[in-house]
Amino acid sequence: MSNSSSIIPEPLKVQSLVYDLKKRLDWGEPALTIIDIRDRDAFNTSHISGAVSLPMNELVNRALNNLELERDLYVYGSTDEQTADAAAQLRTAGYQNVAELRGGLGAWQANSFPLEKN
């Protein structure tokens, strides 16, 4: 059996880079959710393609109502500190697979990865 690890993305990391997420999306692994915790105005202006808007003040309640605890979550906010805070809240609520997307939207944009704008 050949080693296909170069094709299959690495497992979710607590501190993920935008490249990690992009590689996983390109691989076609749908069992993940990208969460944008910024306010709705910021989300509506521009966000990572496929991201869902769960603003910080609604984050845990809406996540618990819509996402199973085993799901892989990639979280980003306006700053890495805000992202870390949101990820900590999700972990406290029982989510086991939460990745903090380092650099958030800025890092995603800097690499010309796909965005959605309203």
N, C-alpha and C. Protein backbone atom coordinates (compact mmCIF):
# COMPACT_ATOMS: atom_id res chain seq x y z
N MET A 1 0.84 -1.17 0.00
CA MET A 1 0.00 0.00 0.00
C MET A 1 0.89 1.24 0.00
N SER A 2 0.70 2.11 -0.96
CA SER A 2 1.55 3.28 -1.04
C SER A 2 1.11 4.33 -0.02
N ASN A 3 2.05 5.16 0.36
CA ASN A 3 1.75 6.21 1.32
C ASN A 3 1.13 7.38 0.57
N SER A 4 -0.14 7.65 0.84
CA SER A 4 -0.84 8.73 0.12
C SER A 4 -0.98 9.97 0.99
N SER A 5 -0.12 10.09 2.02
CA SER A 5 -0.26 11.21 2.95
C SER A 5 -0.04 12.56 2.27
N SER A 6 0.64 12.56 1.14
CA SER A 6 0.84 13.84 0.45
C SER A 6 -0.45 14.33 -0.19
N ILE A 7 -1.41 13.43 -0.39
CA ILE A 7 -2.68 13.81 -1.01
C ILE A 7 -3.71 14.17 0.07
N ILE A 8 -3.79 13.35 1.10
CA ILE A 8 -4.78 13.57 2.15
C ILE A 8 -4.27 14.66 3.08
N PRO A 9 -5.08 15.69 3.32
CA PRO A 9 -4.64 16.75 4.22
C PRO A 9 -4.40 16.23 5.64
N GLU A 10 -3.58 16.96 6.36
CA GLU A 10 -3.29 16.59 7.74
C GLU A 10 -4.55 16.76 8.58
N PRO A 11 -4.63 16.02 9.70
CA PRO A 11 -5.78 16.20 10.59
C PRO A 11 -5.84 17.63 11.11
N LEU A 12 -7.01 18.01 11.56
CA LEU A 12 -7.23 19.35 12.08
C LEU A 12 -6.23 19.68 13.19
N LYS A 13 -5.67 20.89 13.13
CA LYS A 13 -4.74 21.36 14.15
C LYS A 13 -5.40 22.50 14.91
N VAL A 14 -5.10 22.61 16.19
CA VAL A 14 -5.67 23.68 17.01
C VAL A 14 -5.33 25.04 16.41
N GLN A 15 -4.08 25.21 16.00
CA GLN A 15 -3.67 26.44 15.32
C GLN A 15 -3.51 26.09 13.84
N SER A 16 -4.46 26.47 13.02
CA SER A 16 -4.40 26.12 11.61
C SER A 16 -4.05 27.35 10.78
N LEU A 17 -3.31 27.11 9.72
CA LEU A 17 -3.00 28.17 8.77
C LEU A 17 -4.03 28.13 7.65
N VAL A 18 -4.18 29.25 6.95
CA VAL A 18 -5.16 29.27 5.86
C VAL A 18 -4.83 28.19 4.82
N TYR A 19 -3.54 27.86 4.66
CA TYR A 19 -3.15 26.81 3.70
C TYR A 19 -3.73 25.47 4.10
N ASP A 20 -3.76 25.19 5.42
CA ASP A 20 -4.31 23.91 5.90
C ASP A 20 -5.78 23.78 5.50
N LEU A 21 -6.54 24.85 5.72
CA LEU A 21 -7.96 24.83 5.38
C LEU A 21 -8.15 24.74 3.87
N LYS A 22 -7.40 25.51 3.11
CA LYS A 22 -7.53 25.51 1.65
C LYS A 22 -7.22 24.12 1.09
N LYS A 23 -6.18 23.49 1.62
CA LYS A 23 -5.81 22.14 1.16
C LYS A 23 -6.95 21.17 1.41
N ARG A 24 -7.57 21.31 2.57
CA ARG A 24 -8.67 20.41 2.91
C ARG A 24 -9.88 20.66 2.02
N LEU A 25 -10.18 21.93 1.73
CA LEU A 25 -11.30 22.25 0.84
C LEU A 25 -11.02 21.74 -0.57
N ASP A 26 -9.79 21.91 -1.03
CA ASP A 26 -9.42 21.45 -2.38
C ASP A 26 -9.51 19.93 -2.47
N TRP A 27 -9.21 19.25 -1.37
CA TRP A 27 -9.27 17.79 -1.34
C TRP A 27 -10.72 17.32 -1.44
N GLY A 28 -11.65 18.22 -1.10
CA GLY A 28 -13.06 17.88 -1.21
C GLY A 28 -13.60 17.21 0.04
N GLU A 29 -13.08 17.60 1.18
CA GLU A 29 -13.52 17.03 2.45
C GLU A 29 -14.63 17.91 3.02
N PRO A 30 -15.89 17.50 2.89
CA PRO A 30 -16.99 18.38 3.27
C PRO A 30 -17.34 18.37 4.76
N ALA A 31 -16.77 17.46 5.53
CA ALA A 31 -17.18 17.31 6.93
C ALA A 31 -16.53 18.36 7.83
N LEU A 32 -16.73 19.62 7.48
CA LEU A 32 -16.20 20.70 8.29
C LEU A 32 -17.11 21.91 8.15
N THR A 33 -17.02 22.82 9.09
CA THR A 33 -17.75 24.07 9.02
C THR A 33 -16.79 25.20 9.32
N ILE A 34 -16.83 26.24 8.48
CA ILE A 34 -16.01 27.44 8.68
C ILE A 34 -16.92 28.47 9.35
N ILE A 35 -16.51 28.96 10.51
CA ILE A 35 -17.33 29.89 11.28
C ILE A 35 -16.66 31.27 11.32
N ASP A 36 -17.40 32.27 10.87
CA ASP A 36 -16.97 33.66 10.93
C ASP A 36 -17.67 34.29 12.13
N ILE A 37 -16.89 34.72 13.13
CA ILE A 37 -17.48 35.24 14.36
C ILE A 37 -17.58 36.77 14.37
N ARG A 38 -17.18 37.40 13.27
CA ARG A 38 -17.28 38.87 13.21
C ARG A 38 -18.75 39.27 13.13
N ASP A 39 -19.03 40.56 13.29
CA ASP A 39 -20.43 41.00 13.23
C ASP A 39 -20.97 40.84 11.81
N ARG A 40 -22.29 40.87 11.70
CA ARG A 40 -22.93 40.59 10.40
C ARG A 40 -22.53 41.58 9.31
N ASP A 41 -22.32 42.86 9.67
CA ASP A 41 -21.91 43.83 8.65
C ASP A 41 -20.58 43.43 8.03
N ALA A 42 -19.63 43.05 8.88
CA ALA A 42 -18.32 42.62 8.38
C ALA A 42 -18.47 41.36 7.53
N PHE A 43 -19.27 40.43 8.00
CA PHE A 43 -19.50 39.18 7.27
C PHE A 43 -20.11 39.48 5.90
N ASN A 44 -21.13 40.36 5.88
CA ASN A 44 -21.81 40.67 4.63
C ASN A 44 -20.90 41.41 3.65
N THR A 45 -19.93 42.16 4.15
CA THR A 45 -18.99 42.85 3.28
C THR A 45 -18.11 41.85 2.54
N SER A 46 -17.59 40.86 3.27
CA SER A 46 -16.70 39.88 2.66
C SER A 46 -16.40 38.78 3.68
N HIS A 47 -16.37 37.54 3.20
CA HIS A 47 -16.03 36.41 4.07
C HIS A 47 -15.45 35.26 3.25
N ILE A 48 -14.83 34.33 3.93
CA ILE A 48 -14.27 33.14 3.28
C ILE A 48 -15.41 32.36 2.63
N SER A 49 -15.22 31.94 1.40
CA SER A 49 -16.26 31.18 0.69
C SER A 49 -16.68 29.97 1.52
N GLY A 50 -18.00 29.86 1.70
CA GLY A 50 -18.54 28.73 2.43
C GLY A 50 -18.67 28.94 3.93
N ALA A 51 -18.16 30.07 4.44
CA ALA A 51 -18.24 30.33 5.88
C ALA A 51 -19.68 30.64 6.28
N VAL A 52 -19.99 30.34 7.54
CA VAL A 52 -21.29 30.70 8.10
C VAL A 52 -21.06 31.80 9.14
N SER A 53 -22.04 32.68 9.26
CA SER A 53 -21.94 33.77 10.22
C SER A 53 -22.54 33.35 11.55
N LEU A 54 -21.68 33.26 12.57
CA LEU A 54 -22.12 33.01 13.94
C LEU A 54 -21.43 34.06 14.81
N PRO A 55 -22.01 35.26 14.88
CA PRO A 55 -21.37 36.33 15.66
C PRO A 55 -21.11 35.89 17.10
N MET A 56 -20.08 36.45 17.68
CA MET A 56 -19.60 36.07 19.00
C MET A 56 -20.72 35.99 20.04
N ASN A 57 -21.64 36.95 20.05
CA ASN A 57 -22.68 36.97 21.08
C ASN A 57 -23.72 35.86 20.90
N GLU A 58 -23.75 35.21 19.73
CA GLU A 58 -24.70 34.11 19.49
C GLU A 58 -23.99 32.78 19.28
N LEU A 59 -22.67 32.82 19.30
CA LEU A 59 -21.83 31.71 18.84
C LEU A 59 -22.21 30.35 19.44
N VAL A 60 -22.12 30.23 20.75
CA VAL A 60 -22.30 28.92 21.37
C VAL A 60 -23.73 28.42 21.21
N ASN A 61 -24.73 29.27 21.47
CA ASN A 61 -26.12 28.84 21.33
C ASN A 61 -26.43 28.37 19.92
N ARG A 62 -26.02 29.14 18.93
CA ARG A 62 -26.32 28.76 17.54
C ARG A 62 -25.52 27.54 17.12
N ALA A 63 -24.29 27.43 17.57
CA ALA A 63 -23.49 26.24 17.24
C ALA A 63 -24.15 24.99 17.81
N LEU A 64 -24.53 25.06 19.09
CA LEU A 64 -25.14 23.88 19.72
C LEU A 64 -26.45 23.49 19.05
N ASN A 65 -27.18 24.46 18.51
CA ASN A 65 -28.44 24.17 17.83
C ASN A 65 -28.25 23.62 16.42
N ASN A 66 -27.08 23.86 15.82
CA ASN A 66 -26.92 23.53 14.40
C ASN A 66 -25.77 22.59 14.06
N LEU A 67 -24.81 22.42 14.95
CA LEU A 67 -23.61 21.65 14.61
C LEU A 67 -23.35 20.56 15.64
N GLU A 68 -23.10 19.34 15.16
CA GLU A 68 -22.82 18.24 16.08
C GLU A 68 -21.45 18.46 16.72
N LEU A 69 -21.29 17.95 17.94
CA LEU A 69 -20.08 18.19 18.74
C LEU A 69 -18.82 17.59 18.12
N GLU A 70 -18.98 16.58 17.26
CA GLU A 70 -17.81 15.93 16.65
C GLU A 70 -17.34 16.66 15.39
N ARG A 71 -18.13 17.59 14.90
CA ARG A 71 -17.81 18.24 13.63
C ARG A 71 -16.50 19.02 13.72
N ASP A 72 -15.73 19.02 12.62
CA ASP A 72 -14.52 19.84 12.54
C ASP A 72 -14.92 21.28 12.28
N LEU A 73 -14.50 22.19 13.16
CA LEU A 73 -14.83 23.60 13.03
C LEU A 73 -13.57 24.42 12.82
N TYR A 74 -13.60 25.30 11.84
CA TYR A 74 -12.52 26.26 11.60
C TYR A 74 -13.10 27.63 11.92
N VAL A 75 -12.53 28.31 12.90
CA VAL A 75 -13.09 29.56 13.41
C VAL A 75 -12.15 30.71 13.08
N TYR A 76 -12.73 31.85 12.66
CA TYR A 76 -11.92 33.06 12.51
C TYR A 76 -12.73 34.29 12.87
N GLY A 77 -12.01 35.30 13.38
CA GLY A 77 -12.61 36.57 13.75
C GLY A 77 -11.79 37.71 13.21
N SER A 78 -11.93 38.88 13.82
CA SER A 78 -11.20 40.06 13.37
C SER A 78 -9.73 40.00 13.77
N THR A 79 -9.44 39.35 14.90
CA THR A 79 -8.06 39.22 15.39
C THR A 79 -7.83 37.79 15.84
N ASP A 80 -6.57 37.39 15.94
CA ASP A 80 -6.26 36.04 16.43
C ASP A 80 -6.71 35.88 17.88
N GLU A 81 -6.68 36.98 18.66
CA GLU A 81 -7.13 36.92 20.06
C GLU A 81 -8.63 36.62 20.12
N GLN A 82 -9.40 37.30 19.28
CA GLN A 82 -10.85 37.08 19.23
C GLN A 82 -11.13 35.64 18.79
N THR A 83 -10.37 35.18 17.81
CA THR A 83 -10.52 33.80 17.32
C THR A 83 -10.24 32.80 18.44
N ALA A 84 -9.16 33.02 19.21
CA ALA A 84 -8.80 32.12 20.31
C ALA A 84 -9.89 32.10 21.37
N ASP A 85 -10.47 33.26 21.66
CA ASP A 85 -11.54 33.36 22.65
C ASP A 85 -12.76 32.56 22.19
N ALA A 86 -13.13 32.72 20.92
CA ALA A 86 -14.28 31.99 20.37
C ALA A 86 -14.03 30.48 20.40
N ALA A 87 -12.82 30.07 20.01
CA ALA A 87 -12.49 28.65 20.01
C ALA A 87 -12.57 28.08 21.42
N ALA A 88 -12.10 28.85 22.40
CA ALA A 88 -12.15 28.40 23.80
C ALA A 88 -13.61 28.22 24.25
N GLN A 89 -14.48 29.14 23.85
CA GLN A 89 -15.91 29.03 24.20
C GLN A 89 -16.51 27.76 23.59
N LEU A 90 -16.16 27.48 22.35
CA LEU A 90 -16.69 26.29 21.68
C LEU A 90 -16.18 25.01 22.35
N ARG A 91 -14.90 25.00 22.71
CA ARG A 91 -14.34 23.82 23.39
C ARG A 91 -15.02 23.61 24.74
N THR A 92 -15.25 24.70 25.49
CA THR A 92 -15.93 24.61 26.78
C THR A 92 -17.34 24.06 26.61
N ALA A 93 -17.98 24.39 25.48
CA ALA A 93 -19.35 23.91 25.21
C ALA A 93 -19.37 22.44 24.78
N GLY A 94 -18.19 21.85 24.55
CA GLY A 94 -18.14 20.43 24.24
C GLY A 94 -17.63 20.07 22.85
N TYR A 95 -17.30 21.06 22.04
CA TYR A 95 -16.77 20.77 20.70
C TYR A 95 -15.33 20.29 20.83
N GLN A 96 -15.04 19.15 20.19
CA GLN A 96 -13.74 18.52 20.35
C GLN A 96 -12.74 18.92 19.26
N ASN A 97 -13.23 19.31 18.10
CA ASN A 97 -12.35 19.55 16.94
C ASN A 97 -12.49 20.99 16.46
N VAL A 98 -11.85 21.90 17.19
CA VAL A 98 -11.94 23.32 16.87
C VAL A 98 -10.56 23.83 16.46
N ALA A 99 -10.48 24.40 15.27
CA ALA A 99 -9.22 24.97 14.78
C ALA A 99 -9.34 26.48 14.73
N GLU A 100 -8.32 27.16 15.23
CA GLU A 100 -8.25 28.61 15.14
C GLU A 100 -7.53 28.95 13.84
N LEU A 101 -8.20 29.65 12.95
CA LEU A 101 -7.61 29.99 11.66
C LEU A 101 -6.74 31.23 11.83
N ARG A 102 -5.43 31.02 11.88
CA ARG A 102 -4.46 32.10 12.12
C ARG A 102 -4.50 33.12 10.99
N GLY A 103 -4.60 34.39 11.36
CA GLY A 103 -4.59 35.45 10.36
C GLY A 103 -5.96 35.72 9.76
N GLY A 104 -6.91 34.81 9.98
CA GLY A 104 -8.29 34.99 9.55
C GLY A 104 -8.46 35.42 8.10
N LEU A 105 -9.42 36.30 7.91
CA LEU A 105 -9.78 36.74 6.56
C LEU A 105 -8.62 37.41 5.85
N GLY A 106 -7.82 38.19 6.59
CA GLY A 106 -6.69 38.89 5.99
C GLY A 106 -5.70 37.93 5.36
N ALA A 107 -5.37 36.86 6.08
CA ALA A 107 -4.42 35.87 5.55
C ALA A 107 -5.03 35.14 4.37
N TRP A 108 -6.32 34.86 4.44
CA TRP A 108 -7.03 34.18 3.35
C TRP A 108 -6.98 35.05 2.09
N GLN A 109 -7.31 36.34 2.28
CA GLN A 109 -7.31 37.29 1.16
C GLN A 109 -5.91 37.47 0.57
N ALA A 110 -4.90 37.53 1.43
CA ALA A 110 -3.52 37.76 1.00
C ALA A 110 -3.05 36.65 0.06
N ASN A 111 -3.66 35.47 0.17
CA ASN A 111 -3.30 34.34 -0.68
C ASN A 111 -4.23 34.20 -1.89
N SER A 112 -5.12 35.18 -2.05
CA SER A 112 -6.08 35.17 -3.16
C SER A 112 -6.96 33.93 -3.16
N PHE A 113 -7.28 33.42 -1.97
CA PHE A 113 -8.20 32.30 -1.86
C PHE A 113 -9.62 32.85 -2.03
N PRO A 114 -10.60 32.00 -2.38
CA PRO A 114 -11.95 32.48 -2.74
C PRO A 114 -12.71 33.14 -1.60
N LEU A 115 -13.31 34.28 -1.94
CA LEU A 115 -14.13 35.05 -1.00
C LEU A 115 -15.56 35.13 -1.54
N GLU A 116 -16.48 35.39 -0.63
CA GLU A 116 -17.85 35.72 -1.02
C GLU A 116 -18.12 37.13 -0.53
N LYS A 117 -18.75 37.92 -1.38
CA LYS A 117 -19.11 39.30 -1.02
C LYS A 117 -20.57 39.52 -1.33
N ASN A 118 -21.23 40.29 -0.49
CA ASN A 118 -22.64 40.59 -0.71
C ASN A 118 -22.81 41.99 -1.26
